[in-house]
Amino acid sequence: LNKLPDERRKPVRAELIRLLRMAPEQRPARLANEDFAHRYSPEEQQILKDLSTTLPEDYPLAGR
């Protein structure tokens, strides 16, 4: 996430927060959503999939 260009880091981070606020069983539907696929590059999608499934629930993330 930190290696993304500045202009992409903010929207990807906002999506990550959105995913982390969802119940874990709701995330696959969001990750498979057509809007999600169009909004984020394949690299960004992978970052979001990885982080939203591996970060512990108590991970300190501002805005969460």
PDB file of N, CA and C in Angstrom:
ATOM      1  N   LEU A   1       0.828  -1.192   0.000  1.00  0.00           N
ATOM      2  CA  LEU A   1       0.000   0.000   0.000  1.00  0.00           C
ATOM      3  C   LEU A   1       0.867   1.248   0.000  1.00  0.00           C
ATOM      4  N   ASN A   2       1.898   1.245   0.795  1.00  0.00           N
ATOM      5  CA  ASN A   2       2.768   2.422   0.886  1.00  0.00           C
ATOM      6  C   ASN A   2       3.567   2.678  -0.386  1.00  0.00           C
ATOM      7  N   LYS A   3       3.679   1.684  -1.241  1.00  0.00           N
ATOM      8  CA  LYS A   3       4.439   1.846  -2.479  1.00  0.00           C
ATOM      9  C   LYS A   3       3.588   2.395  -3.631  1.00  0.00           C
ATOM     10  N   LEU A   4       2.290   2.531  -3.402  1.00  0.00           N
ATOM     11  CA  LEU A   4       1.421   3.082  -4.440  1.00  0.00           C
ATOM     12  C   LEU A   4       1.702   4.571  -4.611  1.00  0.00           C
ATOM     13  N   PRO A   5       1.444   5.104  -5.800  1.00  0.00           N
ATOM     14  CA  PRO A   5       1.586   6.557  -5.995  1.00  0.00           C
ATOM     15  C   PRO A   5       0.656   7.300  -5.036  1.00  0.00           C
ATOM     16  N   ASP A   6       1.046   8.500  -4.657  1.00  0.00           N
ATOM     17  CA  ASP A   6       0.277   9.289  -3.688  1.00  0.00           C
ATOM     18  C   ASP A   6      -1.196   9.428  -4.069  1.00  0.00           C
ATOM     19  N   GLU A   7      -1.471   9.643  -5.351  1.00  0.00           N
ATOM     20  CA  GLU A   7      -2.857   9.863  -5.776  1.00  0.00           C
ATOM     21  C   GLU A   7      -3.716   8.598  -5.684  1.00  0.00           C
ATOM     22  N   ARG A   8      -3.103   7.429  -5.598  1.00  0.00           N
ATOM     23  CA  ARG A   8      -3.849   6.176  -5.478  1.00  0.00           C
ATOM     24  C   ARG A   8      -3.902   5.675  -4.033  1.00  0.00           C
ATOM     25  N   ARG A   9      -2.956   6.086  -3.247  1.00  0.00           N
ATOM     26  CA  ARG A   9      -2.888   5.597  -1.866  1.00  0.00           C
ATOM     27  C   ARG A   9      -4.146   5.953  -1.071  1.00  0.00           C
ATOM     28  N   LYS A  10      -4.635   7.179  -1.198  1.00  0.00           N
ATOM     29  CA  LYS A  10      -5.799   7.616  -0.420  1.00  0.00           C
ATOM     30  C   LYS A  10      -7.069   6.827  -0.767  1.00  0.00           C
ATOM     31  N   PRO A  11      -7.435   6.684  -2.060  1.00  0.00           N
ATOM     32  CA  PRO A  11      -8.648   5.911  -2.347  1.00  0.00           C
ATOM     33  C   PRO A  11      -8.526   4.424  -1.988  1.00  0.00           C
ATOM     34  N   VAL A  12      -7.340   3.856  -2.151  1.00  0.00           N
ATOM     35  CA  VAL A  12      -7.155   2.445  -1.806  1.00  0.00           C
ATOM     36  C   VAL A  12      -7.255   2.271  -0.288  1.00  0.00           C
ATOM     37  N   ARG A  13      -6.672   3.201   0.439  1.00  0.00           N
ATOM     38  CA  ARG A  13      -6.741   3.134   1.901  1.00  0.00           C
ATOM     39  C   ARG A  13      -8.194   3.274   2.371  1.00  0.00           C
ATOM     40  N   ALA A  14      -8.954   4.177   1.753  1.00  0.00           N
ATOM     41  CA  ALA A  14     -10.366   4.349   2.106  1.00  0.00           C
ATOM     42  C   ALA A  14     -11.152   3.063   1.848  1.00  0.00           C
ATOM     43  N   GLU A  15     -10.847   2.394   0.750  1.00  0.00           N
ATOM     44  CA  GLU A  15     -11.513   1.118   0.451  1.00  0.00           C
ATOM     45  C   GLU A  15     -11.119   0.056   1.462  1.00  0.00           C
ATOM     46  N   LEU A  16      -9.869   0.038   1.860  1.00  0.00           N
ATOM     47  CA  LEU A  16      -9.427  -0.930   2.862  1.00  0.00           C
ATOM     48  C   LEU A  16     -10.201  -0.724   4.161  1.00  0.00           C
ATOM     49  N   ILE A  17     -10.356   0.512   4.572  1.00  0.00           N
ATOM     50  CA  ILE A  17     -11.124   0.797   5.789  1.00  0.00           C
ATOM     51  C   ILE A  17     -12.564   0.322   5.623  1.00  0.00           C
ATOM     52  N   ARG A  18     -13.136   0.571   4.454  1.00  0.00           N
ATOM     53  CA  ARG A  18     -14.510   0.109   4.176  1.00  0.00           C
ATOM     54  C   ARG A  18     -14.601  -1.412   4.302  1.00  0.00           C
ATOM     55  N   LEU A  19     -13.637  -2.109   3.726  1.00  0.00           N
ATOM     56  CA  LEU A  19     -13.631  -3.569   3.798  1.00  0.00           C
ATOM     57  C   LEU A  19     -13.468  -4.066   5.227  1.00  0.00           C
ATOM     58  N   LEU A  20     -12.598  -3.420   5.983  1.00  0.00           N
ATOM     59  CA  LEU A  20     -12.348  -3.854   7.352  1.00  0.00           C
ATOM     60  C   LEU A  20     -13.537  -3.582   8.271  1.00  0.00           C
ATOM     61  N   ARG A  21     -14.361  -2.624   7.914  1.00  0.00           N
ATOM     62  CA  ARG A  21     -15.564  -2.336   8.706  1.00  0.00           C
ATOM     63  C   ARG A  21     -16.685  -3.335   8.420  1.00  0.00           C
ATOM     64  N   MET A  22     -16.599  -4.020   7.280  1.00  0.00           N
ATOM     65  CA  MET A  22     -17.615  -5.011   6.914  1.00  0.00           C
ATOM     66  C   MET A  22     -17.424  -6.276   7.737  1.00  0.00           C
ATOM     67  N   ALA A  23     -18.497  -7.013   7.849  1.00  0.00           N
ATOM     68  CA  ALA A  23     -18.390  -8.349   8.429  1.00  0.00           C
ATOM     69  C   ALA A  23     -17.555  -9.198   7.469  1.00  0.00           C
ATOM     70  N   PRO A  24     -16.689 -10.060   7.990  1.00  0.00           N
ATOM     71  CA  PRO A  24     -15.824 -10.865   7.113  1.00  0.00           C
ATOM     72  C   PRO A  24     -16.588 -11.640   6.034  1.00  0.00           C
ATOM     73  N   GLU A  25     -17.789 -12.085   6.342  1.00  0.00           N
ATOM     74  CA  GLU A  25     -18.550 -12.859   5.347  1.00  0.00           C
ATOM     75  C   GLU A  25     -19.117 -11.981   4.231  1.00  0.00           C
ATOM     76  N   GLN A  26     -19.107 -10.656   4.390  1.00  0.00           N
ATOM     77  CA  GLN A  26     -19.582  -9.740   3.348  1.00  0.00           C
ATOM     78  C   GLN A  26     -18.467  -9.329   2.381  1.00  0.00           C
ATOM     79  N   ARG A  27     -17.236  -9.451   2.794  1.00  0.00           N
ATOM     80  CA  ARG A  27     -16.108  -8.975   1.980  1.00  0.00           C
ATOM     81  C   ARG A  27     -15.987  -9.646   0.626  1.00  0.00           C
ATOM     82  N   PRO A  28     -16.155 -10.973   0.528  1.00  0.00           N
ATOM     83  CA  PRO A  28     -16.015 -11.592  -0.803  1.00  0.00           C
ATOM     84  C   PRO A  28     -16.949 -10.998  -1.853  1.00  0.00           C
ATOM     85  N   ALA A  29     -18.153 -10.633  -1.461  1.00  0.00           N
ATOM     86  CA  ALA A  29     -19.091 -10.038  -2.424  1.00  0.00           C
ATOM     87  C   ALA A  29     -18.567  -8.685  -2.898  1.00  0.00           C
ATOM     88  N   ARG A  30     -18.036  -7.893  -1.997  1.00  0.00           N
ATOM     89  CA  ARG A  30     -17.484  -6.591  -2.390  1.00  0.00           C
ATOM     90  C   ARG A  30     -16.266  -6.789  -3.296  1.00  0.00           C
ATOM     91  N   LEU A  31     -15.396  -7.719  -2.949  1.00  0.00           N
ATOM     92  CA  LEU A  31     -14.187  -7.962  -3.737  1.00  0.00           C
ATOM     93  C   LEU A  31     -14.514  -8.494  -5.138  1.00  0.00           C
ATOM     94  N   ALA A  32     -15.652  -9.154  -5.279  1.00  0.00           N
ATOM     95  CA  ALA A  32     -16.061  -9.705  -6.579  1.00  0.00           C
ATOM     96  C   ALA A  32     -16.941  -8.739  -7.368  1.00  0.00           C
ATOM     97  N   ASN A  33     -17.281  -7.599  -6.777  1.00  0.00           N
ATOM     98  CA  ASN A  33     -18.165  -6.621  -7.394  1.00  0.00           C
ATOM     99  C   ASN A  33     -17.518  -6.009  -8.644  1.00  0.00           C
ATOM    100  N   GLU A  34     -18.322  -5.802  -9.676  1.00  0.00           N
ATOM    101  CA  GLU A  34     -17.818  -5.230 -10.933  1.00  0.00           C
ATOM    102  C   GLU A  34     -17.265  -3.814 -10.734  1.00  0.00           C
ATOM    103  N   ASP A  35     -17.918  -3.021  -9.895  1.00  0.00           N
ATOM    104  CA  ASP A  35     -17.450  -1.665  -9.595  1.00  0.00           C
ATOM    105  C   ASP A  35     -16.048  -1.708  -8.972  1.00  0.00           C
ATOM    106  N   PHE A  36     -15.844  -2.638  -8.082  1.00  0.00           N
ATOM    107  CA  PHE A  36     -14.544  -2.813  -7.436  1.00  0.00           C
ATOM    108  C   PHE A  36     -13.470  -3.107  -8.488  1.00  0.00           C
ATOM    109  N   ALA A  37     -13.787  -3.986  -9.419  1.00  0.00           N
ATOM    110  CA  ALA A  37     -12.835  -4.368 -10.462  1.00  0.00           C
ATOM    111  C   ALA A  37     -12.487  -3.202 -11.378  1.00  0.00           C
ATOM    112  N   HIS A  38     -13.440  -2.327 -11.637  1.00  0.00           N
ATOM    113  CA  HIS A  38     -13.194  -1.174 -12.514  1.00  0.00           C
ATOM    114  C   HIS A  38     -12.486  -0.036 -11.797  1.00  0.00           C
ATOM    115  N   ARG A  39     -12.702   0.061 -10.516  1.00  0.00           N
ATOM    116  CA  ARG A  39     -12.169   1.180  -9.737  1.00  0.00           C
ATOM    117  C   ARG A  39     -10.693   0.999  -9.371  1.00  0.00           C
ATOM    118  N   TYR A  40     -10.249  -0.257  -9.239  1.00  0.00           N
ATOM    119  CA  TYR A  40      -8.889  -0.530  -8.764  1.00  0.00           C
ATOM    120  C   TYR A  40      -8.121  -1.388  -9.761  1.00  0.00           C
ATOM    121  N   SER A  41      -6.839  -1.092  -9.873  1.00  0.00           N
ATOM    122  CA  SER A  41      -5.968  -1.880 -10.761  1.00  0.00           C
ATOM    123  C   SER A  41      -5.829  -3.286 -10.186  1.00  0.00           C
ATOM    124  N   PRO A  42      -5.367  -4.237 -10.991  1.00  0.00           N
ATOM    125  CA  PRO A  42      -5.143  -5.585 -10.460  1.00  0.00           C
ATOM    126  C   PRO A  42      -4.200  -5.589  -9.245  1.00  0.00           C
ATOM    127  N   GLU A  43      -3.165  -4.769  -9.285  1.00  0.00           N
ATOM    128  CA  GLU A  43      -2.247  -4.685  -8.142  1.00  0.00           C
ATOM    129  C   GLU A  43      -2.969  -4.160  -6.902  1.00  0.00           C
ATOM    130  N   GLU A  44      -3.778  -3.123  -7.075  1.00  0.00           N
ATOM    131  CA  GLU A  44      -4.526  -2.554  -5.954  1.00  0.00           C
ATOM    132  C   GLU A  44      -5.547  -3.549  -5.415  1.00  0.00           C
ATOM    133  N   GLN A  45      -6.195  -4.275  -6.312  1.00  0.00           N
ATOM    134  CA  GLN A  45      -7.153  -5.302  -5.889  1.00  0.00           C
ATOM    135  C   GLN A  45      -6.473  -6.357  -5.030  1.00  0.00           C
ATOM    136  N   GLN A  46      -5.291  -6.769  -5.444  1.00  0.00           N
ATOM    137  CA  GLN A  46      -4.573  -7.786  -4.685  1.00  0.00           C
ATOM    138  C   GLN A  46      -4.175  -7.264  -3.312  1.00  0.00           C
ATOM    139  N   ILE A  47      -3.715  -6.031  -3.246  1.00  0.00           N
ATOM    140  CA  ILE A  47      -3.371  -5.409  -1.970  1.00  0.00           C
ATOM    141  C   ILE A  47      -4.600  -5.408  -1.049  1.00  0.00           C
ATOM    142  N   LEU A  48      -5.729  -4.983  -1.584  1.00  0.00           N
ATOM    143  CA  LEU A  48      -6.950  -4.921  -0.783  1.00  0.00           C
ATOM    144  C   LEU A  48      -7.414  -6.299  -0.337  1.00  0.00           C
ATOM    145  N   LYS A  49      -7.344  -7.278  -1.219  1.00  0.00           N
ATOM    146  CA  LYS A  49      -7.724  -8.644  -0.846  1.00  0.00           C
ATOM    147  C   LYS A  49      -6.807  -9.172   0.245  1.00  0.00           C
ATOM    148  N   ASP A  50      -5.518  -8.987   0.059  1.00  0.00           N
ATOM    149  CA  ASP A  50      -4.547  -9.500   1.037  1.00  0.00           C
ATOM    150  C   ASP A  50      -4.727  -8.843   2.398  1.00  0.00           C
ATOM    151  N   LEU A  51      -4.768  -7.522   2.420  1.00  0.00           N
ATOM    152  CA  LEU A  51      -4.841  -6.813   3.701  1.00  0.00           C
ATOM    153  C   LEU A  51      -6.189  -7.004   4.392  1.00  0.00           C
ATOM    154  N   SER A  52      -7.258  -7.056   3.634  1.00  0.00           N
ATOM    155  CA  SER A  52      -8.577  -7.186   4.267  1.00  0.00           C
ATOM    156  C   SER A  52      -8.817  -8.582   4.832  1.00  0.00           C
ATOM    157  N   THR A  53      -7.993  -9.537   4.437  1.00  0.00           N
ATOM    158  CA  THR A  53      -8.168 -10.893   4.961  1.00  0.00           C
ATOM    159  C   THR A  53      -7.078 -11.296   5.951  1.00  0.00           C
ATOM    160  N   THR A  54      -6.013 -10.497   6.055  1.00  0.00           N
ATOM    161  CA  THR A  54      -4.917 -10.901   6.943  1.00  0.00           C
ATOM    162  C   THR A  54      -4.681  -9.974   8.129  1.00  0.00           C
ATOM    163  N   LEU A  55      -5.145  -8.732   8.059  1.00  0.00           N
ATOM    164  CA  LEU A  55      -4.924  -7.829   9.186  1.00  0.00           C
ATOM    165  C   LEU A  55      -5.761  -8.278  10.379  1.00  0.00           C
ATOM    166  N   PRO A  56      -5.182  -8.261  11.569  1.00  0.00           N
ATOM    167  CA  PRO A  56      -5.979  -8.616  12.752  1.00  0.00           C
ATOM    168  C   PRO A  56      -7.053  -7.563  13.009  1.00  0.00           C
ATOM    169  N   GLU A  57      -8.145  -7.986  13.624  1.00  0.00           N
ATOM    170  CA  GLU A  57      -9.270  -7.079  13.855  1.00  0.00           C
ATOM    171  C   GLU A  57      -8.900  -5.873  14.699  1.00  0.00           C
ATOM    172  N   ASP A  58      -7.908  -5.999  15.555  1.00  0.00           N
ATOM    173  CA  ASP A  58      -7.518  -4.887  16.423  1.00  0.00           C
ATOM    174  C   ASP A  58      -6.363  -4.073  15.843  1.00  0.00           C
ATOM    175  N   TYR A  59      -6.064  -4.263  14.554  1.00  0.00           N
ATOM    176  CA  TYR A  59      -4.984  -3.513  13.917  1.00  0.00           C
ATOM    177  C   TYR A  59      -5.323  -2.023  13.937  1.00  0.00           C
ATOM    178  N   PRO A  60      -4.422  -1.180  14.439  1.00  0.00           N
ATOM    179  CA  PRO A  60      -4.738   0.256  14.528  1.00  0.00           C
ATOM    180  C   PRO A  60      -4.672   0.934  13.160  1.00  0.00           C
ATOM    181  N   LEU A  61      -5.824   1.317  12.655  1.00  0.00           N
ATOM    182  CA  LEU A  61      -5.913   1.976  11.368  1.00  0.00           C
ATOM    183  C   LEU A  61      -6.831   3.172  11.531  1.00  0.00           C
ATOM    184  N   ALA A  62      -6.274   4.356  11.379  1.00  0.00           N
ATOM    185  CA  ALA A  62      -7.060   5.588  11.572  1.00  0.00           C
ATOM    186  C   ALA A  62      -8.272   5.590  10.659  1.00  0.00           C
ATOM    187  N   GLY A  63      -9.387   6.026  11.162  1.00  0.00           N
ATOM    188  CA  GLY A  63     -10.619   6.080  10.385  1.00  0.00           C
ATOM    189  C   GLY A  63     -11.449   4.832  10.471  1.00  0.00           C
ATOM    190  N   ARG A  64     -10.954   3.841  11.164  1.00  0.00           N
ATOM    191  CA  ARG A  64     -11.647   2.561  11.248  1.00  0.00           C
ATOM    192  C   ARG A  64     -12.633   2.534  12.372  1.00  0.00           C
TER     193      ARG A  64
END
